[in-house]
Amino acid sequence: MIQKFNTGIARRYGIAAALLAEAIWTEIKENEFHGRCQYDGETWMCCSRKMFLIRMPYLTKHMVSTGLARLKRAGVLIKGEWNKGQSDRTGWYTFTSYGRKVMEESEDEDYA
């Protein structure tokens, strides 16, 4: 499997954050194309931490938690709650306008 990531994000927030940002970015772009997961004028990506670990088995639970926290703290990602049931704690993620800018500016040039 080949995994690409934004090296600018990796330099600022770590490789795990860059891998997570890329996975979220890719899923959001697909959801935008299909008109799915749209709430409050944004397109979202729905994924539990367990699912992130299944998709990226080379990351640990701590790496996923830390990477997501760094992206949220830096103003790159927003986490939402759009689950049907109150007991469902699956995370919903989208990029802030700043996060979109970072991902779009380096989409072609800043990947490893």
PDB file of N, CA and C in Angstrom:
ATOM      1  N   MET A   1       0.834  -1.184   0.000  1.00  0.00           N
ATOM      2  CA  MET A   1       0.000   0.000   0.000  1.00  0.00           C
ATOM      3  C   MET A   1       0.878   1.245   0.000  1.00  0.00           C
ATOM      4  N   ILE A   2       0.503   2.208  -0.798  1.00  0.00           N
ATOM      5  CA  ILE A   2       1.219   3.474  -0.843  1.00  0.00           C
ATOM      6  C   ILE A   2       0.383   4.506  -0.117  1.00  0.00           C
ATOM      7  N   GLN A   3       1.020   5.238   0.784  1.00  0.00           N
ATOM      8  CA  GLN A   3       0.332   6.264   1.555  1.00  0.00           C
ATOM      9  C   GLN A   3       0.989   7.609   1.289  1.00  0.00           C
ATOM     10  N   LYS A   4       0.220   8.565   0.799  1.00  0.00           N
ATOM     11  CA  LYS A   4       0.773   9.896   0.590  1.00  0.00           C
ATOM     12  C   LYS A   4       0.295  10.800   1.718  1.00  0.00           C
ATOM     13  N   PHE A   5       1.046  11.863   1.965  1.00  0.00           N
ATOM     14  CA  PHE A   5       0.652  12.822   2.982  1.00  0.00           C
ATOM     15  C   PHE A   5       1.260  14.179   2.673  1.00  0.00           C
ATOM     16  N   ASN A   6       0.662  15.192   3.248  1.00  0.00           N
ATOM     17  CA  ASN A   6       1.067  16.573   3.064  1.00  0.00           C
ATOM     18  C   ASN A   6       2.295  16.837   3.937  1.00  0.00           C
ATOM     19  N   THR A   7       3.435  17.113   3.332  1.00  0.00           N
ATOM     20  CA  THR A   7       4.657  17.298   4.110  1.00  0.00           C
ATOM     21  C   THR A   7       4.634  18.597   4.919  1.00  0.00           C
ATOM     22  N   GLY A   8       3.891  19.596   4.456  1.00  0.00           N
ATOM     23  CA  GLY A   8       3.752  20.833   5.234  1.00  0.00           C
ATOM     24  C   GLY A   8       3.025  20.568   6.542  1.00  0.00           C
ATOM     25  N   ILE A   9       1.948  19.788   6.479  1.00  0.00           N
ATOM     26  CA  ILE A   9       1.222  19.398   7.691  1.00  0.00           C
ATOM     27  C   ILE A   9       2.133  18.546   8.568  1.00  0.00           C
ATOM     28  N   ALA A  10       2.879  17.625   7.967  1.00  0.00           N
ATOM     29  CA  ALA A  10       3.772  16.745   8.733  1.00  0.00           C
ATOM     30  C   ALA A  10       4.832  17.553   9.470  1.00  0.00           C
ATOM     31  N   ARG A  11       5.411  18.555   8.811  1.00  0.00           N
ATOM     32  CA  ARG A  11       6.427  19.386   9.475  1.00  0.00           C
ATOM     33  C   ARG A  11       5.846  20.142  10.664  1.00  0.00           C
ATOM     34  N   ARG A  12       4.634  20.655  10.503  1.00  0.00           N
ATOM     35  CA  ARG A  12       4.023  21.478  11.556  1.00  0.00           C
ATOM     36  C   ARG A  12       3.419  20.654  12.691  1.00  0.00           C
ATOM     37  N   TYR A  13       2.746  19.543  12.347  1.00  0.00           N
ATOM     38  CA  TYR A  13       1.939  18.835  13.348  1.00  0.00           C
ATOM     39  C   TYR A  13       2.283  17.355  13.511  1.00  0.00           C
ATOM     40  N   GLY A  14       3.205  16.848  12.722  1.00  0.00           N
ATOM     41  CA  GLY A  14       3.609  15.452  12.838  1.00  0.00           C
ATOM     42  C   GLY A  14       3.075  14.591  11.700  1.00  0.00           C
ATOM     43  N   ILE A  15       3.748  13.474  11.483  1.00  0.00           N
ATOM     44  CA  ILE A  15       3.383  12.578  10.382  1.00  0.00           C
ATOM     45  C   ILE A  15       2.005  11.961  10.606  1.00  0.00           C
ATOM     46  N   ALA A  16       1.685  11.579  11.837  1.00  0.00           N
ATOM     47  CA  ALA A  16       0.368  10.997  12.098  1.00  0.00           C
ATOM     48  C   ALA A  16      -0.733  11.997  11.744  1.00  0.00           C
ATOM     49  N   ALA A  17      -0.561  13.250  12.120  1.00  0.00           N
ATOM     50  CA  ALA A  17      -1.547  14.283  11.792  1.00  0.00           C
ATOM     51  C   ALA A  17      -1.673  14.435  10.276  1.00  0.00           C
ATOM     52  N   ALA A  18      -0.557  14.379   9.583  1.00  0.00           N
ATOM     53  CA  ALA A  18      -0.571  14.511   8.121  1.00  0.00           C
ATOM     54  C   ALA A  18      -1.296  13.331   7.470  1.00  0.00           C
ATOM     55  N   LEU A  19      -1.072  12.132   7.969  1.00  0.00           N
ATOM     56  CA  LEU A  19      -1.757  10.950   7.439  1.00  0.00           C
ATOM     57  C   LEU A  19      -3.262  11.030   7.701  1.00  0.00           C
ATOM     58  N   LEU A  20      -3.641  11.465   8.888  1.00  0.00           N
ATOM     59  CA  LEU A  20      -5.056  11.610   9.224  1.00  0.00           C
ATOM     60  C   LEU A  20      -5.700  12.704   8.384  1.00  0.00           C
ATOM     61  N   ALA A  21      -5.009  13.830   8.223  1.00  0.00           N
ATOM     62  CA  ALA A  21      -5.543  14.935   7.413  1.00  0.00           C
ATOM     63  C   ALA A  21      -5.778  14.475   5.981  1.00  0.00           C
ATOM     64  N   GLU A  22      -4.857  13.710   5.448  1.00  0.00           N
ATOM     65  CA  GLU A  22      -5.008  13.217   4.073  1.00  0.00           C
ATOM     66  C   GLU A  22      -6.193  12.272   3.952  1.00  0.00           C
ATOM     67  N   ALA A  23      -6.371  11.384   4.928  1.00  0.00           N
ATOM     68  CA  ALA A  23      -7.499  10.452   4.892  1.00  0.00           C
ATOM     69  C   ALA A  23      -8.825  11.216   4.985  1.00  0.00           C
ATOM     70  N   ILE A  24      -8.884  12.196   5.853  1.00  0.00           N
ATOM     71  CA  ILE A  24     -10.099  12.990   6.013  1.00  0.00           C
ATOM     72  C   ILE A  24     -10.354  13.815   4.755  1.00  0.00           C
ATOM     73  N   TRP A  25      -9.314  14.429   4.206  1.00  0.00           N
ATOM     74  CA  TRP A  25      -9.425  15.245   2.987  1.00  0.00           C
ATOM     75  C   TRP A  25      -9.976  14.410   1.829  1.00  0.00           C
ATOM     76  N   THR A  26      -9.415  13.223   1.647  1.00  0.00           N
ATOM     77  CA  THR A  26      -9.838  12.342   0.554  1.00  0.00           C
ATOM     78  C   THR A  26     -11.304  11.953   0.705  1.00  0.00           C
ATOM     79  N   GLU A  27     -11.695  11.595   1.916  1.00  0.00           N
ATOM     80  CA  GLU A  27     -13.086  11.188   2.165  1.00  0.00           C
ATOM     81  C   GLU A  27     -14.049  12.370   1.978  1.00  0.00           C
ATOM     82  N   ILE A  28     -13.662  13.548   2.438  1.00  0.00           N
ATOM     83  CA  ILE A  28     -14.518  14.730   2.272  1.00  0.00           C
ATOM     84  C   ILE A  28     -14.688  15.051   0.790  1.00  0.00           C
ATOM     85  N   LYS A  29     -13.621  14.973   0.018  1.00  0.00           N
ATOM     86  CA  LYS A  29     -13.720  15.223  -1.422  1.00  0.00           C
ATOM     87  C   LYS A  29     -14.671  14.223  -2.086  1.00  0.00           C
ATOM     88  N   GLU A  30     -14.610  12.974  -1.689  1.00  0.00           N
ATOM     89  CA  GLU A  30     -15.510  11.958  -2.231  1.00  0.00           C
ATOM     90  C   GLU A  30     -16.955  12.243  -1.805  1.00  0.00           C
ATOM     91  N   ASN A  31     -17.144  12.620  -0.553  1.00  0.00           N
ATOM     92  CA  ASN A  31     -18.487  12.950  -0.066  1.00  0.00           C
ATOM     93  C   ASN A  31     -19.047  14.183  -0.772  1.00  0.00           C
ATOM     94  N   GLU A  32     -18.204  15.157  -1.054  1.00  0.00           N
ATOM     95  CA  GLU A  32     -18.641  16.341  -1.810  1.00  0.00           C
ATOM     96  C   GLU A  32     -19.107  15.944  -3.201  1.00  0.00           C
ATOM     97  N   PHE A  33     -18.344  15.096  -3.849  1.00  0.00           N
ATOM     98  CA  PHE A  33     -18.665  14.644  -5.204  1.00  0.00           C
ATOM     99  C   PHE A  33     -20.031  13.941  -5.237  1.00  0.00           C
ATOM    100  N   HIS A  34     -20.297  13.122  -4.219  1.00  0.00           N
ATOM    101  CA  HIS A  34     -21.536  12.341  -4.169  1.00  0.00           C
ATOM    102  C   HIS A  34     -22.665  13.054  -3.422  1.00  0.00           C
ATOM    103  N   GLY A  35     -22.396  14.231  -2.874  1.00  0.00           N
ATOM    104  CA  GLY A  35     -23.418  14.974  -2.146  1.00  0.00           C
ATOM    105  C   GLY A  35     -23.836  14.330  -0.836  1.00  0.00           C
ATOM    106  N   ARG A  36     -22.889  13.668  -0.165  1.00  0.00           N
ATOM    107  CA  ARG A  36     -23.175  12.975   1.099  1.00  0.00           C
ATOM    108  C   ARG A  36     -22.636  13.768   2.282  1.00  0.00           C
ATOM    109  N   CYS A  37     -23.135  13.437   3.461  1.00  0.00           N
ATOM    110  CA  CYS A  37     -22.606  13.922   4.741  1.00  0.00           C
ATOM    111  C   CYS A  37     -22.511  15.447   4.782  1.00  0.00           C
ATOM    112  N   GLN A  38     -23.569  16.108   4.378  1.00  0.00           N
ATOM    113  CA  GLN A  38     -23.568  17.570   4.356  1.00  0.00           C
ATOM    114  C   GLN A  38     -24.478  18.102   5.453  1.00  0.00           C
ATOM    115  N   TYR A  39     -23.883  18.860   6.354  1.00  0.00           N
ATOM    116  CA  TYR A  39     -24.580  19.471   7.477  1.00  0.00           C
ATOM    117  C   TYR A  39     -24.024  20.869   7.703  1.00  0.00           C
ATOM    118  N   ASP A  40     -24.887  21.793   8.047  1.00  0.00           N
ATOM    119  CA  ASP A  40     -24.482  23.177   8.349  1.00  0.00           C
ATOM    120  C   ASP A  40     -23.629  23.797   7.253  1.00  0.00           C
ATOM    121  N   GLY A  41     -23.925  23.475   6.012  1.00  0.00           N
ATOM    122  CA  GLY A  41     -23.203  24.064   4.900  1.00  0.00           C
ATOM    123  C   GLY A  41     -21.805  23.516   4.664  1.00  0.00           C
ATOM    124  N   GLU A  42     -21.459  22.434   5.339  1.00  0.00           N
ATOM    125  CA  GLU A  42     -20.142  21.804   5.187  1.00  0.00           C
ATOM    126  C   GLU A  42     -20.308  20.337   4.818  1.00  0.00           C
ATOM    127  N   THR A  43     -19.292  19.788   4.172  1.00  0.00           N
ATOM    128  CA  THR A  43     -19.246  18.354   3.919  1.00  0.00           C
ATOM    129  C   THR A  43     -18.331  17.747   4.974  1.00  0.00           C
ATOM    130  N   TRP A  44     -18.775  16.663   5.578  1.00  0.00           N
ATOM    131  CA  TRP A  44     -18.080  16.044   6.702  1.00  0.00           C
ATOM    132  C   TRP A  44     -17.613  14.636   6.351  1.00  0.00           C
ATOM    133  N   MET A  45     -16.714  14.138   7.161  1.00  0.00           N
ATOM    134  CA  MET A  45     -16.242  12.763   7.096  1.00  0.00           C
ATOM    135  C   MET A  45     -16.526  12.128   8.444  1.00  0.00           C
ATOM    136  N   CYS A  46     -17.156  10.988   8.437  1.00  0.00           N
ATOM    137  CA  CYS A  46     -17.528  10.288   9.666  1.00  0.00           C
ATOM    138  C   CYS A  46     -16.598   9.093   9.863  1.00  0.00           C
ATOM    139  N   CYS A  47     -15.916   9.062  11.020  1.00  0.00           N
ATOM    140  CA  CYS A  47     -15.000   7.947  11.260  1.00  0.00           C
ATOM    141  C   CYS A  47     -14.691   7.841  12.755  1.00  0.00           C
ATOM    142  N   SER A  48     -14.771   6.648  13.275  1.00  0.00           N
ATOM    143  CA  SER A  48     -14.396   6.425  14.671  1.00  0.00           C
ATOM    144  C   SER A  48     -12.875   6.255  14.751  1.00  0.00           C
ATOM    145  N   ARG A  49     -12.357   6.386  15.929  1.00  0.00           N
ATOM    146  CA  ARG A  49     -10.909   6.161  16.099  1.00  0.00           C
ATOM    147  C   ARG A  49     -10.553   4.720  15.772  1.00  0.00           C
ATOM    148  N   LYS A  50     -11.445   3.807  16.116  1.00  0.00           N
ATOM    149  CA  LYS A  50     -11.218   2.399  15.788  1.00  0.00           C
ATOM    150  C   LYS A  50     -11.121   2.208  14.274  1.00  0.00           C
ATOM    151  N   MET A  51     -11.975   2.907  13.523  1.00  0.00           N
ATOM    152  CA  MET A  51     -11.945   2.792  12.066  1.00  0.00           C
ATOM    153  C   MET A  51     -10.649   3.402  11.496  1.00  0.00           C
ATOM    154  N   PHE A  52     -10.200   4.511  12.083  1.00  0.00           N
ATOM    155  CA  PHE A  52      -8.912   5.066  11.649  1.00  0.00           C
ATOM    156  C   PHE A  52      -7.805   4.023  11.831  1.00  0.00           C
ATOM    157  N   LEU A  53      -7.843   3.283  12.943  1.00  0.00           N
ATOM    158  CA  LEU A  53      -6.815   2.266  13.207  1.00  0.00           C
ATOM    159  C   LEU A  53      -6.906   1.103  12.215  1.00  0.00           C
ATOM    160  N   ILE A  54      -8.104   0.780  11.788  1.00  0.00           N
ATOM    161  CA  ILE A  54      -8.271  -0.280  10.793  1.00  0.00           C
ATOM    162  C   ILE A  54      -7.744   0.197   9.443  1.00  0.00           C
ATOM    163  N   ARG A  55      -8.045   1.449   9.093  1.00  0.00           N
ATOM    164  CA  ARG A  55      -7.595   1.999   7.814  1.00  0.00           C
ATOM    165  C   ARG A  55      -6.088   2.237   7.795  1.00  0.00           C
ATOM    166  N   MET A  56      -5.511   2.547   8.963  1.00  0.00           N
ATOM    167  CA  MET A  56      -4.084   2.849   9.067  1.00  0.00           C
ATOM    168  C   MET A  56      -3.485   2.032  10.217  1.00  0.00           C
ATOM    169  N   PRO A  57      -3.282   0.742  10.002  1.00  0.00           N
ATOM    170  CA  PRO A  57      -2.819  -0.130  11.091  1.00  0.00           C
ATOM    171  C   PRO A  57      -1.400   0.176  11.573  1.00  0.00           C
ATOM    172  N   TYR A  58      -0.690   1.016  10.867  1.00  0.00           N
ATOM    173  CA  TYR A  58       0.660   1.409  11.269  1.00  0.00           C
ATOM    174  C   TYR A  58       0.644   2.540  12.290  1.00  0.00           C
ATOM    175  N   LEU A  59      -0.541   3.078  12.620  1.00  0.00           N
ATOM    176  CA  LEU A  59      -0.672   4.081  13.670  1.00  0.00           C
ATOM    177  C   LEU A  59      -1.188   3.416  14.944  1.00  0.00           C
ATOM    178  N   THR A  60      -0.842   3.985  16.091  1.00  0.00           N
ATOM    179  CA  THR A  60      -1.368   3.512  17.361  1.00  0.00           C
ATOM    180  C   THR A  60      -2.571   4.370  17.759  1.00  0.00           C
ATOM    181  N   LYS A  61      -3.316   3.892  18.752  1.00  0.00           N
ATOM    182  CA  LYS A  61      -4.459   4.655  19.254  1.00  0.00           C
ATOM    183  C   LYS A  61      -4.001   6.040  19.736  1.00  0.00           C
ATOM    184  N   HIS A  62      -2.872   6.075  20.407  1.00  0.00           N
ATOM    185  CA  HIS A  62      -2.326   7.349  20.897  1.00  0.00           C
ATOM    186  C   HIS A  62      -1.963   8.283  19.732  1.00  0.00           C
ATOM    187  N   MET A  63      -1.377   7.731  18.684  1.00  0.00           N
ATOM    188  CA  MET A  63      -1.013   8.549  17.515  1.00  0.00           C
ATOM    189  C   MET A  63      -2.252   9.152  16.854  1.00  0.00           C
ATOM    190  N   VAL A  64      -3.335   8.380  16.768  1.00  0.00           N
ATOM    191  CA  VAL A  64      -4.577   8.881  16.181  1.00  0.00           C
ATOM    192  C   VAL A  64      -5.140  10.000  17.056  1.00  0.00           C
ATOM    193  N   SER A  65      -5.237   9.755  18.354  1.00  0.00           N
ATOM    194  CA  SER A  65      -5.779  10.764  19.270  1.00  0.00           C
ATOM    195  C   SER A  65      -4.951  12.037  19.254  1.00  0.00           C
ATOM    196  N   THR A  66      -3.638  11.893  19.324  1.00  0.00           N
ATOM    197  CA  THR A  66      -2.745  13.052  19.336  1.00  0.00           C
ATOM    198  C   THR A  66      -2.806  13.799  18.014  1.00  0.00           C
ATOM    199  N   GLY A  67      -2.791  13.075  16.899  1.00  0.00           N
ATOM    200  CA  GLY A  67      -2.842  13.713  15.583  1.00  0.00           C
ATOM    201  C   GLY A  67      -4.119  14.515  15.384  1.00  0.00           C
ATOM    202  N   LEU A  68      -5.258  13.924  15.754  1.00  0.00           N
ATOM    203  CA  LEU A  68      -6.532  14.640  15.630  1.00  0.00           C
ATOM    204  C   LEU A  68      -6.562  15.857  16.548  1.00  0.00           C
ATOM    205  N   ALA A  69      -6.071  15.692  17.770  1.00  0.00           N
ATOM    206  CA  ALA A  69      -6.056  16.808  18.725  1.00  0.00           C
ATOM    207  C   ALA A  69      -5.184  17.958  18.219  1.00  0.00           C
ATOM    208  N   ARG A  70      -4.044  17.638  17.645  1.00  0.00           N
ATOM    209  CA  ARG A  70      -3.159  18.689  17.109  1.00  0.00           C
ATOM    210  C   ARG A  70      -3.825  19.448  15.964  1.00  0.00           C
ATOM    211  N   LEU A  71      -4.495  18.720  15.089  1.00  0.00           N
ATOM    212  CA  LEU A  71      -5.170  19.368  13.960  1.00  0.00           C
ATOM    213  C   LEU A  71      -6.329  20.244  14.426  1.00  0.00           C
ATOM    214  N   LYS A  72      -7.059  19.785  15.433  1.00  0.00           N
ATOM    215  CA  LYS A  72      -8.161  20.595  15.967  1.00  0.00           C
ATOM    216  C   LYS A  72      -7.630  21.825  16.693  1.00  0.00           C
ATOM    217  N   ARG A  73      -6.621  21.635  17.530  1.00  0.00           N
ATOM    218  CA  ARG A  73      -6.030  22.744  18.299  1.00  0.00           C
ATOM    219  C   ARG A  73      -5.425  23.809  17.383  1.00  0.00           C
ATOM    220  N   ALA A  74      -4.883  23.385  16.253  1.00  0.00           N
ATOM    221  CA  ALA A  74      -4.243  24.305  15.306  1.00  0.00           C
ATOM    222  C   ALA A  74      -5.263  25.013  14.408  1.00  0.00           C
ATOM    223  N   GLY A  75      -6.523  24.640  14.518  1.00  0.00           N
ATOM    224  CA  GLY A  75      -7.536  25.278  13.694  1.00  0.00           C
ATOM    225  C   GLY A  75      -7.617  24.738  12.283  1.00  0.00           C
ATOM    226  N   VAL A  76      -7.112  23.525  12.081  1.00  0.00           N
ATOM    227  CA  VAL A  76      -7.159  22.886  10.763  1.00  0.00           C
ATOM    228  C   VAL A  76      -8.454  22.095  10.608  1.00  0.00           C
ATOM    229  N   LEU A  77      -8.860  21.403  11.675  1.00  0.00           N
ATOM    230  CA  LEU A  77     -10.060  20.555  11.665  1.00  0.00           C
ATOM    231  C   LEU A  77     -11.088  21.038  12.681  1.00  0.00           C
ATOM    232  N   ILE A  78     -12.338  20.697  12.387  1.00  0.00           N
ATOM    233  CA  ILE A  78     -13.439  20.873  13.326  1.00  0.00           C
ATOM    234  C   ILE A  78     -14.045  19.493  13.529  1.00  0.00           C
ATOM    235  N   LYS A  79     -14.420  19.186  14.752  1.00  0.00           N
ATOM    236  CA  LYS A  79     -15.115  17.927  15.033  1.00  0.00           C
ATOM    237  C   LYS A  79     -16.579  18.244  15.303  1.00  0.00           C
ATOM    238  N   GLY A  80     -17.463  17.443  14.708  1.00  0.00           N
ATOM    239  CA  GLY A  80     -18.895  17.619  14.899  1.00  0.00           C
ATOM    240  C   GLY A  80     -19.544  16.352  15.417  1.00  0.00           C
ATOM    241  N   GLU A  81     -20.800  16.453  15.757  1.00  0.00           N
ATOM    242  CA  GLU A  81     -21.597  15.313  16.227  1.00  0.00           C
ATOM    243  C   GLU A  81     -22.873  15.256  15.394  1.00  0.00           C
ATOM    244  N   TRP A  82     -22.893  14.411  14.399  1.00  0.00           N
ATOM    245  CA  TRP A  82     -24.074  14.278  13.538  1.00  0.00           C
ATOM    246  C   TRP A  82     -24.623  12.857  13.586  1.00  0.00           C
ATOM    247  N   ASN A  83     -24.425  12.175  14.684  1.00  0.00           N
ATOM    248  CA  ASN A  83     -24.856  10.787  14.808  1.00  0.00           C
ATOM    249  C   ASN A  83     -26.354  10.699  15.081  1.00  0.00           C
ATOM    250  N   LYS A  84     -26.943   9.600  14.660  1.00  0.00           N
ATOM    251  CA  LYS A  84     -28.382   9.392  14.821  1.00  0.00           C
ATOM    252  C   LYS A  84     -28.752   9.087  16.282  1.00  0.00           C
ATOM    253  N   GLY A  85     -27.949   8.278  16.953  1.00  0.00           N
ATOM    254  CA  GLY A  85     -28.235   7.894  18.333  1.00  0.00           C
ATOM    255  C   GLY A  85     -27.368   8.644  19.327  1.00  0.00           C
ATOM    256  N   GLN A  86     -27.896   8.888  20.515  1.00  0.00           N
ATOM    257  CA  GLN A  86     -27.149   9.624  21.530  1.00  0.00           C
ATOM    258  C   GLN A  86     -25.942   8.854  22.047  1.00  0.00           C
ATOM    259  N   SER A  87     -25.995   7.541  21.996  1.00  0.00           N
ATOM    260  CA  SER A  87     -24.876   6.744  22.499  1.00  0.00           C
ATOM    261  C   SER A  87     -23.755   6.592  21.469  1.00  0.00           C
ATOM    262  N   ASP A  88     -24.018   6.942  20.229  1.00  0.00           N
ATOM    263  CA  ASP A  88     -23.015   6.842  19.161  1.00  0.00           C
ATOM    264  C   ASP A  88     -22.065   8.030  19.278  1.00  0.00           C
ATOM    265  N   ARG A  89     -20.786   7.766  19.532  1.00  0.00           N
ATOM    266  CA  ARG A  89     -19.788   8.816  19.716  1.00  0.00           C
ATOM    267  C   ARG A  89     -18.821   8.913  18.530  1.00  0.00           C
ATOM    268  N   THR A  90     -19.227   8.378  17.389  1.00  0.00           N
ATOM    269  CA  THR A  90     -18.389   8.441  16.192  1.00  0.00           C
ATOM    270  C   THR A  90     -18.107   9.897  15.847  1.00  0.00           C
ATOM    271  N   GLY A  91     -16.863  10.191  15.516  1.00  0.00           N
ATOM    272  CA  GLY A  91     -16.485  11.560  15.197  1.00  0.00           C
ATOM    273  C   GLY A  91     -16.798  11.946  13.764  1.00  0.00           C
ATOM    274  N   TRP A  92     -17.203  13.183  13.597  1.00  0.00           N
ATOM    275  CA  TRP A  92     -17.425  13.768  12.280  1.00  0.00           C
ATOM    276  C   TRP A  92     -16.417  14.892  12.143  1.00  0.00           C
ATOM    277  N   TYR A  93     -15.700  14.914  11.032  1.00  0.00           N
ATOM    278  CA  TYR A  93     -14.616  15.881  10.856  1.00  0.00           C
ATOM    279  C   TYR A  93     -14.771  16.636   9.547  1.00  0.00           C
ATOM    280  N   THR A  94     -14.440  17.915   9.593  1.00  0.00           N
ATOM    281  CA  THR A  94     -14.336  18.727   8.394  1.00  0.00           C
ATOM    282  C   THR A  94     -13.212  19.726   8.604  1.00  0.00           C
ATOM    283  N   PHE A  95     -12.788  20.333   7.529  1.00  0.00           N
ATOM    284  CA  PHE A  95     -11.710  21.313   7.598  1.00  0.00           C
ATOM    285  C   PHE A  95     -12.266  22.712   7.802  1.00  0.00           C
ATOM    286  N   THR A  96     -11.549  23.500   8.553  1.00  0.00           N
ATOM    287  CA  THR A  96     -11.863  24.919   8.663  1.00  0.00           C
ATOM    288  C   THR A  96     -11.470  25.573   7.344  1.00  0.00           C
ATOM    289  N   SER A  97     -11.803  26.843   7.165  1.00  0.00           N
ATOM    290  CA  SER A  97     -11.379  27.529   5.938  1.00  0.00           C
ATOM    291  C   SER A  97      -9.852  27.562   5.872  1.00  0.00           C
ATOM    292  N   TYR A  98      -9.199  27.751   7.017  1.00  0.00           N
ATOM    293  CA  TYR A  98      -7.729  27.711   7.060  1.00  0.00           C
ATOM    294  C   TYR A  98      -7.219  26.321   6.668  1.00  0.00           C
ATOM    295  N   GLY A  99      -7.835  25.272   7.215  1.00  0.00           N
ATOM    296  CA  GLY A  99      -7.423  23.906   6.898  1.00  0.00           C
ATOM    297  C   GLY A  99      -7.591  23.582   5.431  1.00  0.00           C
ATOM    298  N   ARG A 100      -8.701  24.027   4.840  1.00  0.00           N
ATOM    299  CA  ARG A 100      -8.916  23.815   3.397  1.00  0.00           C
ATOM    300  C   ARG A 100      -7.833  24.512   2.586  1.00  0.00           C
ATOM    301  N   LYS A 101      -7.504  25.726   2.995  1.00  0.00           N
ATOM    302  CA  LYS A 101      -6.472  26.487   2.284  1.00  0.00           C
ATOM    303  C   LYS A 101      -5.137  25.743   2.332  1.00  0.00           C
ATOM    304  N   VAL A 102      -4.777  25.258   3.496  1.00  0.00           N
ATOM    305  CA  VAL A 102      -3.516  24.518   3.650  1.00  0.00           C
ATOM    306  C   VAL A 102      -3.510  23.279   2.762  1.00  0.00           C
ATOM    307  N   MET A 103      -4.614  22.542   2.755  1.00  0.00           N
ATOM    308  CA  MET A 103      -4.673  21.315   1.956  1.00  0.00           C
ATOM    309  C   MET A 103      -4.699  21.616   0.461  1.00  0.00           C
ATOM    310  N   GLU A 104      -5.436  22.637   0.055  1.00  0.00           N
ATOM    311  CA  GLU A 104      -5.534  22.966  -1.371  1.00  0.00           C
ATOM    312  C   GLU A 104      -4.245  23.551  -1.916  1.00  0.00           C
ATOM    313  N   GLU A 105      -3.581  24.405  -1.146  1.00  0.00           N
ATOM    314  CA  GLU A 105      -2.351  25.040  -1.621  1.00  0.00           C
ATOM    315  C   GLU A 105      -1.253  24.031  -1.880  1.00  0.00           C
ATOM    316  N   SER A 106      -1.215  22.998  -1.101  1.00  0.00           N
ATOM    317  CA  SER A 106      -0.128  22.038  -1.248  1.00  0.00           C
ATOM    318  C   SER A 106      -0.582  20.737  -1.877  1.00  0.00           C
ATOM    319  N   GLU A 107      -1.772  20.732  -2.454  1.00  0.00           N
ATOM    320  CA  GLU A 107      -2.325  19.506  -3.021  1.00  0.00           C
ATOM    321  C   GLU A 107      -1.427  18.868  -4.082  1.00  0.00           C
ATOM    322  N   ASP A 108      -0.793  19.690  -4.910  1.00  0.00           N
ATOM    323  CA  ASP A 108       0.033  19.141  -5.985  1.00  0.00           C
ATOM    324  C   ASP A 108       1.522  19.158  -5.701  1.00  0.00           C
ATOM    325  N   GLU A 109       1.956  20.037  -4.832  1.00  0.00           N
ATOM    326  CA  GLU A 109       3.397  20.267  -4.719  1.00  0.00           C
ATOM    327  C   GLU A 109       4.035  19.746  -3.456  1.00  0.00           C
ATOM    328  N   ASP A 110       3.303  19.522  -2.386  1.00  0.00           N
ATOM    329  CA  ASP A 110       3.921  19.286  -1.082  1.00  0.00           C
ATOM    330  C   ASP A 110       3.612  17.919  -0.515  1.00  0.00           C
ATOM    331  N   TYR A 111       3.693  16.900  -1.359  1.00  0.00           N
ATOM    332  CA  TYR A 111       3.372  15.553  -0.894  1.00  0.00           C
ATOM    333  C   TYR A 111       4.584  14.639  -0.958  1.00  0.00           C
ATOM    334  N   ALA A 112       4.592  13.687  -0.054  1.00  0.00           N
ATOM    335  CA  ALA A 112       5.651  12.667  -0.053  1.00  0.00           C
ATOM    336  C   ALA A 112       5.050  11.332  -0.415  1.00  0.00           C
TER     337      ALA A 112
END
